[in-house]
Protein backbone atom coordinates (compact mmCIF):
# COMPACT_ATOMS: atom_id res chain seq x y z
CA MET A 1 -11.04 133.50 -80.00
CA ASN A 2 -12.74 130.49 -81.50
CA GLU A 3 -9.79 128.41 -82.70
CA THR A 4 -9.89 126.39 -79.45
CA VAL A 5 -13.57 125.50 -79.85
CA GLN A 6 -14.19 122.15 -81.53
CA LYS A 7 -16.15 122.46 -84.77
CA MET A 8 -18.46 119.65 -85.83
CA ILE A 9 -18.71 119.02 -89.55
CA VAL A 10 -21.03 116.51 -91.22
CA ILE A 11 -20.11 115.07 -94.61
CA PRO A 12 -22.82 112.96 -96.30
CA LEU A 13 -21.55 110.16 -98.52
CA ASP A 14 -23.36 108.37 -101.35
CA GLY A 15 -20.80 106.02 -102.85
CA SER A 16 -19.58 108.30 -105.64
CA ASP A 17 -16.08 109.73 -106.00
CA ASN A 18 -17.67 113.18 -106.16
CA ALA A 19 -19.09 112.81 -102.65
CA LEU A 20 -15.53 112.39 -101.33
CA LYS A 21 -14.42 115.83 -102.53
CA PRO A 22 -15.34 117.48 -99.20
CA LEU A 23 -12.63 115.34 -97.58
CA ASN A 24 -9.99 117.00 -99.76
CA TYR A 25 -11.57 120.37 -98.99
CA LEU A 26 -11.30 119.74 -95.24
CA ASP A 27 -7.61 118.99 -95.64
CA LEU A 28 -7.10 122.12 -97.77
CA VAL A 29 -8.88 124.58 -95.48
CA PHE A 30 -8.44 123.14 -91.99
CA GLY A 31 -5.82 120.41 -92.06
CA PRO A 32 -5.51 117.55 -89.57
CA LYS A 33 -4.25 119.74 -86.70
CA HIS A 34 -7.43 121.82 -86.53
CA ASN A 35 -9.87 121.07 -83.71
CA LEU A 36 -12.58 119.27 -85.70
CA LYS A 37 -15.07 116.52 -85.13
CA ILE A 38 -15.91 114.99 -88.50
CA THR A 39 -18.95 112.80 -89.02
CA LEU A 40 -19.30 110.79 -92.22
CA LEU A 41 -23.01 110.15 -92.70
CA TYR A 42 -24.66 107.60 -94.98
CA VAL A 43 -28.44 107.37 -95.26
CA LEU A 44 -29.48 103.92 -96.45
CA PRO A 45 -31.74 104.33 -99.50
CA ARG A 46 -35.32 103.14 -99.37
CA LEU A 47 -36.11 99.89 -101.16
CA PRO A 48 -38.83 100.03 -103.84
CA PRO A 49 -42.30 99.58 -102.24
CA ILE A 50 -43.28 97.00 -104.85
CA LEU A 51 -40.50 94.68 -103.58
CA VAL A 52 -41.61 95.14 -99.99
CA GLU A 53 -45.21 94.32 -100.93
CA GLU A 54 -44.14 91.27 -102.93
CA SER A 55 -42.01 89.98 -100.04
CA GLN A 56 -45.18 89.69 -97.96
CA LYS A 57 -46.55 87.23 -100.51
CA SER A 58 -43.45 85.27 -101.47
CA ASP A 59 -40.93 83.62 -99.15
CA GLU A 60 -38.33 83.63 -101.92
CA THR A 61 -38.77 87.36 -102.50
CA LEU A 62 -38.57 87.93 -98.74
CA ARG A 63 -35.30 85.97 -98.58
CA GLN A 64 -33.79 87.96 -101.46
CA LEU A 65 -35.00 91.21 -99.96
CA LYS A 66 -33.30 90.43 -96.63
CA ASN A 67 -30.12 89.59 -98.51
CA LEU A 68 -30.38 92.87 -100.39
CA GLU A 69 -30.85 94.79 -97.14
CA GLY A 70 -27.81 93.06 -95.69
CA ARG A 71 -25.69 93.96 -98.72
CA ASN A 72 -27.01 97.52 -98.49
CA VAL A 73 -25.77 97.82 -94.91
CA GLU A 74 -22.49 96.13 -95.79
CA MET A 75 -21.89 98.56 -98.66
CA ALA A 76 -22.63 101.51 -96.38
CA GLN A 77 -20.09 100.29 -93.83
CA ASN A 78 -17.47 99.75 -96.54
CA LEU A 79 -18.00 103.28 -97.87
CA LEU A 80 -17.78 104.82 -94.41
CA THR A 81 -14.68 102.80 -93.56
CA ALA A 82 -13.01 103.88 -96.80
CA GLY A 83 -13.84 107.52 -96.04
CA LYS A 84 -12.36 107.28 -92.54
CA LYS A 85 -9.21 105.62 -93.86
CA ARG A 86 -8.80 108.39 -96.40
CA LEU A 87 -8.95 111.03 -93.68
CA ILE A 88 -6.52 109.06 -91.48
CA VAL A 89 -4.05 108.88 -94.37
CA MET A 90 -4.35 112.69 -94.62
CA GLY A 91 -3.32 112.87 -90.98
CA PHE A 92 -6.65 113.31 -89.19
CA ALA A 93 -6.79 111.55 -85.82
CA GLU A 94 -9.10 108.55 -85.72
CA LYS A 95 -10.61 109.71 -82.40
CA THR A 96 -11.97 112.83 -84.15
CA LEU A 97 -13.74 110.79 -86.83
CA GLU A 98 -17.22 109.27 -86.63
CA ALA A 99 -18.96 107.07 -89.19
CA VAL A 100 -22.76 106.84 -89.06
CA SER A 101 -25.18 104.89 -91.22
CA LYS A 102 -28.89 105.20 -90.62
CA LYS A 103 -32.07 103.88 -92.13
CA ILE A 104 -34.03 106.36 -94.17
CA GLU A 105 -36.96 107.93 -92.31
CA ILE A 106 -38.40 110.67 -94.51
CA GLY A 107 -36.02 111.20 -97.40
CA ILE A 108 -32.25 111.28 -97.89
CA ALA A 109 -31.92 115.09 -97.92
CA ARG A 110 -34.34 115.74 -95.08
CA ASP A 111 -32.79 112.97 -92.98
CA ILE A 112 -29.33 114.49 -93.48
CA VAL A 113 -30.62 117.87 -92.33
CA ASN A 114 -32.63 116.51 -89.38
CA TRP A 115 -29.72 114.42 -88.12
CA SER A 116 -27.24 117.29 -88.47
CA GLU A 117 -29.49 119.78 -86.72
CA ARG A 118 -30.26 117.37 -83.87
CA LYS A 119 -26.52 116.95 -83.35
CA GLN A 120 -26.04 120.74 -83.56
CA ALA A 121 -23.48 120.42 -86.32
CA ASP A 122 -21.64 123.61 -87.27
CA ALA A 123 -21.76 122.82 -90.99
CA VAL A 124 -22.82 120.24 -93.55
CA ILE A 125 -20.31 120.02 -96.38
CA ILE A 126 -21.78 118.28 -99.39
CA SER A 127 -20.57 117.87 -102.94
CA THR A 128 -22.91 118.47 -105.83
CA ARG A 129 -22.59 117.66 -109.49
CA GLY A 130 -21.01 120.26 -111.73
CA ARG A 131 -21.60 120.08 -115.46
CA GLY A 132 -20.44 116.51 -115.92
CA LYS A 133 -22.34 113.27 -115.42
CA LEU A 134 -21.90 111.28 -112.26
CA ALA A 135 -23.31 108.20 -110.60
CA GLY A 136 -24.63 108.57 -107.09
CA PHE A 137 -27.44 110.19 -105.13
CA PHE A 138 -26.00 113.70 -105.08
CA LEU A 139 -26.81 114.65 -108.65
CA GLY A 140 -27.61 118.19 -107.62
CA GLU A 141 -31.15 117.40 -106.50
CA THR A 142 -30.29 115.92 -103.10
CA ALA A 143 -27.63 118.53 -102.37
CA ASN A 144 -30.02 121.33 -103.33
CA LYS A 145 -32.72 119.85 -101.10
CA VAL A 146 -30.29 119.75 -98.19
CA LEU A 147 -29.78 123.48 -98.70
CA GLU A 148 -33.52 124.04 -99.01
CA TYR A 149 -34.49 122.11 -95.87
CA SER A 150 -31.72 123.38 -93.59
CA ARG A 151 -32.89 126.03 -91.16
CA SER A 152 -30.19 126.25 -88.50
CA CYS A 153 -27.17 124.43 -89.92
CA PRO A 154 -25.03 126.20 -92.56
CA VAL A 155 -24.54 124.25 -95.77
CA TRP A 156 -21.32 124.30 -97.77
CA MET A 157 -21.80 123.20 -101.38
CA ILE A 158 -18.69 121.87 -103.11
CA LYS A 159 -18.97 122.62 -106.81
CA GLY A 160 -16.24 120.88 -108.77
CA THR A 161 -12.69 120.71 -107.40
CA VAL A 162 -11.51 123.37 -104.95
CA LYS A 163 -7.79 124.14 -105.11
CA GLU A 164 -7.46 127.64 -103.65
CA LYS A 165 -7.49 128.59 -99.95
CA HIS A 166 -8.50 132.23 -100.40
CA ALA A 167 -12.11 133.03 -99.40
CA VAL A 168 -14.49 135.78 -100.48
CA LEU A 169 -17.16 137.02 -98.08
CA ALA A 170 -19.88 138.67 -100.18
CA ILE A 171 -21.87 141.05 -98.00
CA ASP A 172 -24.69 143.54 -98.19
CA ASN A 173 -26.62 145.43 -95.51
CA SER A 174 -28.83 142.51 -94.47
CA LYS A 175 -29.06 140.42 -91.31
CA ASN A 176 -28.43 137.25 -93.28
CA SER A 177 -25.22 138.76 -94.58
CA LEU A 178 -23.99 139.35 -91.03
CA ARG A 179 -24.98 135.78 -90.13
CA ALA A 180 -22.70 134.61 -92.94
CA VAL A 181 -19.92 136.80 -91.53
CA ASP A 182 -20.43 135.34 -88.06
CA HIS A 183 -20.26 131.79 -89.43
CA ALA A 184 -17.19 132.52 -91.54
CA GLY A 185 -15.43 134.02 -88.54
CA PHE A 186 -16.18 131.01 -86.36
CA MET A 187 -15.27 128.39 -88.94
CA LEU A 188 -12.13 130.08 -90.29
CA SER A 189 -10.69 131.09 -86.93
CA GLY A 190 -7.51 129.16 -86.30
CA THR A 191 -6.85 128.70 -90.03
CA ASP A 192 -4.48 130.65 -92.26
CA MET A 193 -7.20 131.44 -94.79
CA LYS A 194 -7.11 134.87 -96.42
CA VAL A 195 -10.54 136.51 -96.54
CA THR A 196 -11.75 139.31 -98.80
CA ILE A 197 -14.84 141.18 -97.62
CA PHE A 198 -16.49 142.06 -100.93
CA HIS A 199 -19.38 144.27 -101.96
CA SER A 200 -20.59 145.19 -105.41
CA LYS A 201 -22.53 148.47 -105.33
CA ARG A 202 -25.88 148.11 -107.00
CA ASP A 203 -25.94 149.69 -110.44
CA LEU A 204 -28.84 151.93 -111.38
CA LYS A 205 -29.39 149.61 -114.34
CA ARG A 206 -30.62 146.97 -111.89
CA PHE A 207 -33.69 149.15 -111.39
CA LEU A 208 -34.16 150.87 -114.76
CA PRO A 209 -33.83 149.91 -118.42
CA GLN A 210 -30.29 150.58 -119.63
CA GLU A 211 -31.51 153.21 -122.11
CA LEU A 212 -33.03 155.28 -119.30
CA ALA A 213 -30.06 154.89 -116.98
CA ASP A 214 -27.67 155.97 -119.74
CA GLU A 215 -29.64 159.21 -120.21
CA PHE A 216 -28.84 160.30 -116.65
CA PRO A 217 -25.11 159.69 -116.03
CA GLU A 218 -24.95 162.23 -113.18
CA LEU A 219 -27.76 160.43 -111.38
CA GLN A 220 -25.86 157.19 -111.84
CA LYS A 221 -22.73 158.72 -110.26
CA PHE A 222 -24.76 160.09 -107.35
CA TRP A 223 -26.37 156.68 -106.82
CA GLN A 224 -23.00 154.93 -106.76
CA ARG A 225 -21.59 157.41 -104.22
CA LYS A 226 -24.65 157.04 -102.01
CA ALA A 227 -24.58 153.24 -102.26
CA GLY A 228 -20.91 153.27 -101.24
CA LYS A 229 -21.58 155.39 -98.13
CA VAL A 230 -24.44 153.12 -97.06
CA ILE A 231 -22.39 149.92 -97.21
CA LEU A 232 -19.16 151.18 -95.59
CA PRO A 233 -20.39 150.70 -91.98
CA PHE A 234 -21.39 147.12 -92.81
CA ILE A 235 -17.96 146.40 -94.31
CA GLN A 236 -16.33 147.71 -91.13
CA LYS A 237 -18.76 145.70 -89.00
CA ALA A 238 -17.87 142.56 -90.95
CA LYS A 239 -14.15 143.18 -90.46
CA ASP A 240 -14.61 143.79 -86.73
CA MET A 241 -16.57 140.54 -86.42
CA LEU A 242 -13.82 138.55 -88.15
CA LEU A 243 -11.15 140.12 -85.94
CA GLU A 244 -13.19 139.38 -82.83
CA ALA A 245 -13.60 135.77 -83.97
CA GLY A 246 -9.82 135.39 -84.01
CA LEU A 247 -8.70 136.09 -87.58
CA GLY A 248 -5.59 138.23 -87.88
CA GLU A 249 -5.49 141.69 -89.38
CA GLY A 250 -3.21 140.41 -92.12
CA GLN A 251 -5.76 137.78 -93.17
CA ILE A 252 -8.48 140.31 -93.99
CA THR A 253 -8.86 142.66 -96.94
CA THR A 254 -11.87 144.67 -98.09
CA LYS A 255 -13.02 145.44 -101.61
CA LEU A 256 -15.80 147.75 -102.77
CA VAL A 257 -16.52 147.95 -106.50
CA ASP A 258 -19.00 149.66 -108.80
CA GLY A 259 -21.41 146.91 -109.68
CA SER A 260 -22.76 145.82 -113.02
CA ARG A 261 -26.36 144.87 -113.71
CA SER A 262 -25.74 141.47 -112.09
CA ALA A 263 -24.51 141.15 -108.50
CA ALA A 264 -24.05 137.40 -109.02
CA ALA A 265 -21.78 138.03 -112.02
CA ASP A 266 -19.77 140.56 -110.00
CA ILE A 267 -19.26 138.05 -107.18
CA LEU A 268 -18.21 135.27 -109.56
CA ASP A 269 -15.84 137.66 -111.37
CA GLU A 270 -14.24 138.51 -108.03
CA MET A 271 -13.88 134.81 -107.20
CA LYS A 272 -12.09 134.27 -110.50
CA SER A 273 -9.89 137.37 -110.46
CA SER A 274 -8.77 136.85 -106.86
CA LYS A 275 -8.33 133.09 -107.35
CA ALA A 276 -10.61 132.33 -104.41
CA GLY A 277 -11.82 128.82 -103.64
CA SER A 278 -14.49 129.53 -101.01
CA LEU A 279 -17.44 131.90 -101.02
CA PHE A 280 -19.54 132.86 -98.01
CA ILE A 281 -22.90 134.41 -98.82
CA GLY A 282 -26.24 134.86 -97.06
CA LEU A 283 -29.21 132.85 -98.26
CA HIS A 284 -31.22 136.06 -98.70
CA GLY A 285 -29.97 139.58 -99.16
CA TYR A 286 -31.70 142.90 -98.68
CA SER A 287 -34.14 142.09 -101.47
CA SER A 288 -35.27 138.86 -99.81
CA VAL A 289 -38.65 137.52 -100.91
CA LYS A 290 -40.07 135.06 -98.39
CA ASP A 291 -41.87 133.05 -101.06
CA PHE A 292 -38.54 131.81 -102.40
CA THR A 293 -36.10 129.49 -100.67
CA MET A 294 -33.06 131.42 -101.85
CA GLY A 295 -32.46 135.00 -102.91
CA SER A 296 -31.97 135.46 -106.63
CA VAL A 297 -28.29 136.41 -106.27
CA THR A 298 -27.50 133.31 -104.20
CA ARG A 299 -29.39 131.08 -106.62
CA LYS A 300 -27.55 132.49 -109.64
CA VAL A 301 -24.19 132.12 -107.91
CA LEU A 302 -24.90 128.48 -107.05
CA ASN A 303 -26.07 127.71 -110.57
CA GLN A 304 -22.98 129.21 -112.19
CA ALA A 305 -20.28 128.38 -109.64
CA GLU A 306 -17.44 126.13 -110.73
CA ASP A 307 -14.52 124.71 -108.74
CA MET A 308 -15.44 126.44 -105.50
CA ALA A 309 -17.16 125.90 -102.18
CA VAL A 310 -20.26 128.05 -101.65
CA CYS A 311 -21.40 128.45 -98.06
């Protein structure tokens, strides 16, 4: 049972209110009594090269540049201190909190990933812009790059404001899907989160034009029955993994539905109908194409998700 194992979570900050949303999410899902180590990470942005070059020619520019660097560090410390205070007010113990600011080495997103993976973090939770405008670094691009660059550390994308504790675990018969199950089991053990193991059976219309599929309704029924039989062992495997991780029987439900032409739409419909706030999904499914960073279903879900966390 994993609830006694400390979980390390990294939350990158950028100075915007949006970047603080993962703090509220931590309180919602885990609460201050959970065994967490929380690192607030701020990567100092790189100064424009033209200013650096000019400072080598002008003492006045050099003086102003040093002042700017000092203010940059000061602002980072203020942001990190404010983040820690916010967590302490929520009830998190100060000894479980760490604030880190570091100079940029390669790029903000890649530095976040490299630092988190070196520290063997269990998750990076980062907020990304929804449909509104927002000042800060995480305007979607940085958050998406964190997801793209990460190879061993799971990334939780906060899209909007998460209010519900229920989680959906969207699975298929792929290895990446079972990796998502394993991560969900580890992270949610020791919480009171309800989890729905969900699968949308692939519709024949995902392979054929609708006109053709409609001409063969019996073939469609046969396909749906066959697809259901294929996925059932994976649903049971997912449930067994969650139970083994420490979740209770009463926390877990399973749901198998006849899918539409869009698996992403089916997943998002389930999130809405079940009032779920967190989604766990593999980066690639059974139709993974190595030339793409994300599978098409995952990409569509991330693009359309609102007011949820997508892991």
